[in-house]
Amino acid sequence: MQEHEVRELMDRLVGAMDPAVEYEARHEDFTVEFPQSGERMDRDGLRRLQETFPGGKPNIRLGRLTGSGDVWVRESYIEYPDGSVAYGVGRVEFRDGKIWKETRYYAEPFDPPAWRASWSKRIEEPVAG
């Protein structure tokens, strides 16, 4: 897939934040893995997760998108309904023009340690575009 096609798809999915729309964008053999929690879900499982997410839908802002062909990596900034935030990185593979495999990583922001403050600078934008 071309970058403009992947960007358009990701923007459409994040803009809609609709489990039914996302479900249709996924390949019938879709799987997603969450290495930090050790979970794997199929297309139906991820839809159920999205439909029952506690507190409502998170607000997601897409950042950098890199890759080529059928393998892409996306970065995101996520604000959850409870006020917490996280940075997300996802590896996305396509098959037949649909999302086939995903691996999602999440990290909470933290303040840099004082010992390295003299050679680092604060990032003003949470996610590079």
N, C-alpha and C. Protein backbone atom coordinates (compact mmCIF):
# COMPACT_ATOMS: atom_id res chain seq x y z
N MET A 1 0.84 -1.18 0.00
CA MET A 1 0.00 0.00 0.00
C MET A 1 0.88 1.24 0.00
N GLN A 2 0.37 2.31 -0.53
CA GLN A 2 1.08 3.57 -0.59
C GLN A 2 0.83 4.38 0.69
N GLU A 3 1.78 5.26 1.03
CA GLU A 3 1.65 6.03 2.26
C GLU A 3 0.35 6.82 2.32
N HIS A 4 -0.04 7.46 1.23
CA HIS A 4 -1.28 8.25 1.25
C HIS A 4 -2.50 7.37 1.52
N GLU A 5 -2.49 6.12 1.04
CA GLU A 5 -3.60 5.21 1.30
C GLU A 5 -3.67 4.81 2.77
N VAL A 6 -2.50 4.52 3.34
CA VAL A 6 -2.44 4.11 4.75
C VAL A 6 -2.82 5.29 5.65
N ARG A 7 -2.28 6.47 5.35
CA ARG A 7 -2.59 7.67 6.15
C ARG A 7 -4.09 7.97 6.07
N GLU A 8 -4.66 7.90 4.88
CA GLU A 8 -6.09 8.17 4.72
C GLU A 8 -6.93 7.17 5.53
N LEU A 9 -6.56 5.90 5.49
CA LEU A 9 -7.28 4.88 6.25
C LEU A 9 -7.18 5.14 7.75
N MET A 10 -5.95 5.40 8.24
CA MET A 10 -5.77 5.63 9.68
C MET A 10 -6.52 6.88 10.12
N ASP A 11 -6.48 7.94 9.32
CA ASP A 11 -7.21 9.17 9.66
C ASP A 11 -8.72 8.90 9.70
N ARG A 12 -9.21 8.12 8.75
CA ARG A 12 -10.64 7.80 8.70
C ARG A 12 -11.05 6.98 9.93
N LEU A 13 -10.24 6.00 10.29
CA LEU A 13 -10.58 5.15 11.44
C LEU A 13 -10.55 5.92 12.75
N VAL A 14 -9.52 6.75 12.93
CA VAL A 14 -9.43 7.55 14.16
C VAL A 14 -10.52 8.61 14.19
N GLY A 15 -10.84 9.18 13.04
CA GLY A 15 -11.89 10.18 12.98
C GLY A 15 -13.25 9.61 13.32
N ALA A 16 -13.53 8.40 12.88
CA ALA A 16 -14.82 7.77 13.14
C ALA A 16 -14.90 7.20 14.56
N MET A 17 -13.81 6.62 15.03
CA MET A 17 -13.80 5.92 16.32
C MET A 17 -15.05 5.05 16.47
N ASP A 18 -15.30 4.26 15.44
CA ASP A 18 -16.48 3.42 15.37
C ASP A 18 -16.04 1.96 15.19
N PRO A 19 -16.32 1.10 16.18
CA PRO A 19 -15.90 -0.29 16.08
C PRO A 19 -16.39 -1.00 14.82
N ALA A 20 -17.57 -0.65 14.33
CA ALA A 20 -18.09 -1.28 13.11
C ALA A 20 -17.29 -0.88 11.88
N VAL A 21 -16.90 0.38 11.82
CA VAL A 21 -16.09 0.87 10.69
C VAL A 21 -14.71 0.20 10.72
N GLU A 22 -14.12 0.12 11.90
CA GLU A 22 -12.81 -0.53 12.02
C GLU A 22 -12.90 -2.01 11.68
N TYR A 23 -13.95 -2.66 12.11
CA TYR A 23 -14.15 -4.08 11.85
C TYR A 23 -14.10 -4.35 10.34
N GLU A 24 -14.75 -3.50 9.57
CA GLU A 24 -14.79 -3.67 8.12
C GLU A 24 -13.43 -3.43 7.47
N ALA A 25 -12.57 -2.66 8.12
CA ALA A 25 -11.23 -2.37 7.59
C ALA A 25 -10.25 -3.50 7.88
N ARG A 26 -10.67 -4.46 8.71
CA ARG A 26 -9.79 -5.56 9.09
C ARG A 26 -10.04 -6.80 8.24
N HIS A 27 -8.97 -7.46 7.92
CA HIS A 27 -9.01 -8.71 7.17
C HIS A 27 -9.74 -9.77 7.98
N GLU A 28 -10.39 -10.72 7.32
CA GLU A 28 -11.12 -11.76 8.06
C GLU A 28 -10.20 -12.62 8.93
N ASP A 29 -8.90 -12.69 8.60
CA ASP A 29 -7.92 -13.43 9.39
C ASP A 29 -7.13 -12.53 10.33
N PHE A 30 -7.65 -11.36 10.63
CA PHE A 30 -6.98 -10.36 11.47
C PHE A 30 -6.64 -10.90 12.86
N THR A 31 -5.46 -10.49 13.35
CA THR A 31 -5.10 -10.68 14.76
C THR A 31 -4.35 -9.44 15.24
N VAL A 32 -4.53 -9.14 16.52
CA VAL A 32 -3.80 -8.06 17.16
C VAL A 32 -3.14 -8.63 18.41
N GLU A 33 -1.90 -8.20 18.65
CA GLU A 33 -1.19 -8.62 19.86
C GLU A 33 -0.82 -7.40 20.69
N PHE A 34 -0.93 -7.57 22.01
CA PHE A 34 -0.56 -6.57 22.99
C PHE A 34 0.56 -7.20 23.84
N PRO A 35 1.82 -7.07 23.42
CA PRO A 35 2.91 -7.75 24.13
C PRO A 35 3.00 -7.41 25.62
N GLN A 36 2.67 -6.18 25.99
CA GLN A 36 2.82 -5.79 27.39
C GLN A 36 1.85 -6.54 28.30
N SER A 37 0.68 -6.90 27.79
CA SER A 37 -0.27 -7.65 28.61
C SER A 37 -0.32 -9.13 28.23
N GLY A 38 0.38 -9.49 27.15
CA GLY A 38 0.41 -10.88 26.72
C GLY A 38 -0.87 -11.35 26.06
N GLU A 39 -1.64 -10.43 25.49
CA GLU A 39 -2.92 -10.78 24.87
C GLU A 39 -2.83 -10.85 23.35
N ARG A 40 -3.66 -11.71 22.79
CA ARG A 40 -3.87 -11.78 21.35
C ARG A 40 -5.38 -11.84 21.14
N MET A 41 -5.87 -11.08 20.18
CA MET A 41 -7.30 -11.07 19.87
C MET A 41 -7.50 -11.20 18.37
N ASP A 42 -8.63 -11.77 18.02
CA ASP A 42 -9.01 -11.80 16.62
C ASP A 42 -9.89 -10.58 16.32
N ARG A 43 -10.41 -10.54 15.14
CA ARG A 43 -11.23 -9.42 14.67
C ARG A 43 -12.45 -9.20 15.57
N ASP A 44 -13.12 -10.28 15.95
CA ASP A 44 -14.30 -10.18 16.79
C ASP A 44 -13.94 -9.74 18.21
N GLY A 45 -12.83 -10.26 18.74
CA GLY A 45 -12.42 -9.90 20.09
C GLY A 45 -12.09 -8.42 20.21
N LEU A 46 -11.37 -7.87 19.22
CA LEU A 46 -11.03 -6.45 19.29
C LEU A 46 -12.29 -5.59 19.17
N ARG A 47 -13.22 -6.01 18.36
CA ARG A 47 -14.48 -5.26 18.26
C ARG A 47 -15.20 -5.24 19.60
N ARG A 48 -15.26 -6.39 20.28
CA ARG A 48 -15.91 -6.43 21.60
C ARG A 48 -15.18 -5.53 22.60
N LEU A 49 -13.85 -5.53 22.56
CA LEU A 49 -13.08 -4.65 23.43
C LEU A 49 -13.47 -3.19 23.19
N GLN A 50 -13.52 -2.80 21.92
CA GLN A 50 -13.84 -1.42 21.59
C GLN A 50 -15.28 -1.04 21.98
N GLU A 51 -16.21 -1.96 21.83
CA GLU A 51 -17.60 -1.68 22.15
C GLU A 51 -17.87 -1.59 23.65
N THR A 52 -17.01 -2.17 24.45
CA THR A 52 -17.24 -2.19 25.90
C THR A 52 -16.15 -1.46 26.68
N PHE A 53 -15.38 -0.60 26.01
CA PHE A 53 -14.27 0.10 26.66
C PHE A 53 -14.80 0.94 27.82
N PRO A 54 -14.26 0.76 29.02
CA PRO A 54 -14.76 1.49 30.20
C PRO A 54 -14.67 3.01 30.05
N GLY A 55 -15.75 3.69 30.33
CA GLY A 55 -15.75 5.15 30.31
C GLY A 55 -15.97 5.78 28.96
N GLY A 56 -16.00 5.01 27.90
CA GLY A 56 -16.19 5.57 26.57
C GLY A 56 -14.94 5.49 25.72
N LYS A 57 -15.00 6.15 24.59
CA LYS A 57 -13.92 6.07 23.61
C LYS A 57 -12.76 7.00 23.97
N PRO A 58 -11.53 6.53 23.77
CA PRO A 58 -10.39 7.43 23.95
C PRO A 58 -10.28 8.41 22.79
N ASN A 59 -9.60 9.51 23.02
CA ASN A 59 -9.30 10.48 21.97
C ASN A 59 -7.88 10.18 21.48
N ILE A 60 -7.74 9.89 20.20
CA ILE A 60 -6.44 9.49 19.64
C ILE A 60 -6.01 10.51 18.61
N ARG A 61 -4.75 10.92 18.70
CA ARG A 61 -4.14 11.80 17.70
C ARG A 61 -3.01 11.04 17.03
N LEU A 62 -3.12 10.88 15.74
CA LEU A 62 -2.08 10.19 14.99
C LEU A 62 -0.86 11.06 14.83
N GLY A 63 0.28 10.41 14.85
CA GLY A 63 1.55 11.10 14.63
C GLY A 63 2.24 10.54 13.40
N ARG A 64 3.49 10.23 13.57
CA ARG A 64 4.33 9.75 12.48
C ARG A 64 3.82 8.41 11.95
N LEU A 65 3.94 8.25 10.64
CA LEU A 65 3.60 7.02 9.95
C LEU A 65 4.77 6.69 9.04
N THR A 66 5.36 5.52 9.24
CA THR A 66 6.50 5.12 8.42
C THR A 66 6.32 3.68 7.97
N GLY A 67 6.88 3.38 6.80
CA GLY A 67 6.82 2.02 6.29
C GLY A 67 6.79 2.01 4.79
N SER A 68 6.50 0.84 4.25
CA SER A 68 6.33 0.70 2.80
C SER A 68 5.64 -0.63 2.53
N GLY A 69 5.07 -0.72 1.34
CA GLY A 69 4.40 -1.95 0.97
C GLY A 69 3.28 -2.28 1.93
N ASP A 70 3.35 -3.47 2.51
CA ASP A 70 2.30 -3.93 3.41
C ASP A 70 2.66 -3.86 4.88
N VAL A 71 3.79 -3.22 5.24
CA VAL A 71 4.19 -3.12 6.65
C VAL A 71 4.42 -1.66 7.01
N TRP A 72 3.68 -1.19 8.04
CA TRP A 72 3.73 0.21 8.45
C TRP A 72 3.80 0.31 9.97
N VAL A 73 4.38 1.40 10.46
CA VAL A 73 4.43 1.69 11.89
C VAL A 73 3.80 3.06 12.09
N ARG A 74 2.88 3.12 13.06
CA ARG A 74 2.23 4.39 13.36
C ARG A 74 2.47 4.75 14.82
N GLU A 75 2.58 6.05 15.06
CA GLU A 75 2.72 6.56 16.42
C GLU A 75 1.45 7.33 16.74
N SER A 76 1.08 7.33 18.01
CA SER A 76 -0.13 8.06 18.40
C SER A 76 -0.03 8.58 19.83
N TYR A 77 -0.86 9.54 20.10
CA TYR A 77 -1.01 10.13 21.44
C TYR A 77 -2.45 9.86 21.84
N ILE A 78 -2.66 9.26 23.01
CA ILE A 78 -3.97 8.80 23.41
C ILE A 78 -4.39 9.45 24.72
N GLU A 79 -5.57 10.04 24.73
CA GLU A 79 -6.17 10.58 25.95
C GLU A 79 -7.38 9.71 26.28
N TYR A 80 -7.33 9.07 27.44
CA TYR A 80 -8.40 8.17 27.86
C TYR A 80 -9.50 8.94 28.58
N PRO A 81 -10.71 8.39 28.62
CA PRO A 81 -11.83 9.07 29.28
C PRO A 81 -11.57 9.43 30.75
N ASP A 82 -10.72 8.67 31.43
CA ASP A 82 -10.43 8.95 32.84
C ASP A 82 -9.38 10.05 33.02
N GLY A 83 -8.89 10.63 31.91
CA GLY A 83 -7.90 11.70 31.98
C GLY A 83 -6.47 11.26 31.84
N SER A 84 -6.20 9.97 31.89
CA SER A 84 -4.83 9.50 31.71
C SER A 84 -4.44 9.57 30.24
N VAL A 85 -3.14 9.62 29.99
CA VAL A 85 -2.64 9.67 28.62
C VAL A 85 -1.60 8.58 28.41
N ALA A 86 -1.40 8.24 27.16
CA ALA A 86 -0.38 7.25 26.80
C ALA A 86 0.10 7.56 25.39
N TYR A 87 1.30 7.10 25.12
CA TYR A 87 1.84 7.12 23.78
C TYR A 87 1.67 5.72 23.22
N GLY A 88 1.31 5.62 21.96
CA GLY A 88 1.12 4.32 21.35
C GLY A 88 1.98 4.18 20.12
N VAL A 89 2.46 2.97 19.91
CA VAL A 89 3.18 2.60 18.70
C VAL A 89 2.57 1.30 18.22
N GLY A 90 2.23 1.26 16.96
CA GLY A 90 1.64 0.05 16.41
C GLY A 90 2.29 -0.34 15.10
N ARG A 91 2.60 -1.62 14.99
CA ARG A 91 3.09 -2.19 13.74
C ARG A 91 1.87 -2.78 13.05
N VAL A 92 1.63 -2.36 11.82
CA VAL A 92 0.42 -2.76 11.09
C VAL A 92 0.84 -3.43 9.78
N GLU A 93 0.29 -4.62 9.54
CA GLU A 93 0.54 -5.33 8.30
C GLU A 93 -0.77 -5.44 7.53
N PHE A 94 -0.69 -5.30 6.22
CA PHE A 94 -1.86 -5.36 5.37
C PHE A 94 -1.83 -6.61 4.50
N ARG A 95 -3.02 -7.10 4.19
CA ARG A 95 -3.19 -8.20 3.24
C ARG A 95 -4.49 -7.91 2.49
N ASP A 96 -4.42 -7.99 1.18
CA ASP A 96 -5.60 -7.76 0.35
C ASP A 96 -6.22 -6.39 0.60
N GLY A 97 -5.38 -5.39 0.93
CA GLY A 97 -5.87 -4.04 1.15
C GLY A 97 -6.56 -3.81 2.49
N LYS A 98 -6.49 -4.81 3.39
CA LYS A 98 -7.11 -4.68 4.71
C LYS A 98 -6.06 -4.92 5.80
N ILE A 99 -6.36 -4.44 7.00
CA ILE A 99 -5.45 -4.63 8.13
C ILE A 99 -5.48 -6.11 8.50
N TRP A 100 -4.31 -6.74 8.47
CA TRP A 100 -4.21 -8.18 8.69
C TRP A 100 -3.63 -8.52 10.07
N LYS A 101 -2.53 -7.88 10.41
CA LYS A 101 -1.86 -8.12 11.69
C LYS A 101 -1.49 -6.79 12.32
N GLU A 102 -1.64 -6.72 13.63
CA GLU A 102 -1.21 -5.53 14.38
C GLU A 102 -0.49 -5.98 15.63
N THR A 103 0.49 -5.20 16.00
CA THR A 103 1.13 -5.33 17.31
C THR A 103 1.10 -3.94 17.92
N ARG A 104 0.53 -3.81 19.11
CA ARG A 104 0.36 -2.50 19.75
C ARG A 104 1.14 -2.41 21.06
N TYR A 105 1.87 -1.31 21.19
CA TYR A 105 2.63 -1.03 22.40
C TYR A 105 2.14 0.30 22.98
N TYR A 106 2.05 0.37 24.30
CA TYR A 106 1.59 1.58 24.97
C TYR A 106 2.57 1.95 26.09
N ALA A 107 2.77 3.25 26.27
CA ALA A 107 3.65 3.72 27.34
C ALA A 107 3.09 5.00 27.93
N GLU A 108 3.13 5.10 29.24
CA GLU A 108 2.70 6.32 29.92
C GLU A 108 3.85 7.32 29.91
N PRO A 109 3.54 8.61 29.80
CA PRO A 109 4.60 9.62 29.85
C PRO A 109 5.23 9.69 31.23
N PHE A 110 6.46 10.13 31.28
CA PHE A 110 7.16 10.31 32.55
C PHE A 110 8.15 11.45 32.44
N ASP A 111 8.51 12.05 33.55
CA ASP A 111 9.49 13.12 33.57
C ASP A 111 10.88 12.52 33.43
N PRO A 112 11.74 13.20 32.67
CA PRO A 112 13.09 12.68 32.51
C PRO A 112 13.85 12.75 33.83
N PRO A 113 14.75 11.80 34.06
CA PRO A 113 15.54 11.85 35.29
C PRO A 113 16.49 13.04 35.29
N ALA A 114 16.74 13.57 36.47
CA ALA A 114 17.59 14.76 36.61
C ALA A 114 19.00 14.53 36.09
N TRP A 115 19.52 13.32 36.20
CA TRP A 115 20.91 13.07 35.82
C TRP A 115 21.21 13.32 34.35
N ARG A 116 20.20 13.34 33.49
CA ARG A 116 20.47 13.60 32.07
C ARG A 116 19.90 14.94 31.59
N ALA A 117 19.43 15.75 32.50
CA ALA A 117 18.80 17.03 32.14
C ALA A 117 19.75 17.99 31.42
N SER A 118 21.02 17.91 31.69
CA SER A 118 21.96 18.87 31.09
C SER A 118 22.17 18.66 29.59
N TRP A 119 21.85 17.52 29.05
CA TRP A 119 22.03 17.33 27.61
C TRP A 119 20.74 16.97 26.87
N SER A 120 19.60 17.13 27.52
CA SER A 120 18.33 16.86 26.82
C SER A 120 17.47 18.11 26.82
N LYS A 121 16.56 18.15 25.86
CA LYS A 121 15.62 19.27 25.75
C LYS A 121 14.21 18.70 25.73
N ARG A 122 13.28 19.45 26.24
CA ARG A 122 11.89 19.04 26.33
C ARG A 122 11.23 19.07 24.96
N ILE A 123 10.49 18.04 24.61
CA ILE A 123 9.70 18.01 23.37
C ILE A 123 8.40 18.75 23.64
N GLU A 124 8.09 19.73 22.81
CA GLU A 124 6.88 20.51 23.02
C GLU A 124 5.65 19.81 22.46
N GLU A 125 5.78 19.12 21.34
CA GLU A 125 4.67 18.40 20.74
C GLU A 125 4.71 16.96 21.21
N PRO A 126 3.61 16.42 21.73
CA PRO A 126 3.62 15.05 22.23
C PRO A 126 3.89 13.99 21.17
N VAL A 127 3.46 14.23 19.94
CA VAL A 127 3.67 13.25 18.86
C VAL A 127 4.10 14.00 17.62
N ALA A 128 5.21 13.56 17.05
CA ALA A 128 5.68 14.17 15.81
C ALA A 128 4.79 13.74 14.66
N GLY A 129 4.47 14.65 13.78
CA GLY A 129 3.60 14.34 12.65
C GLY A 129 4.35 14.05 11.39
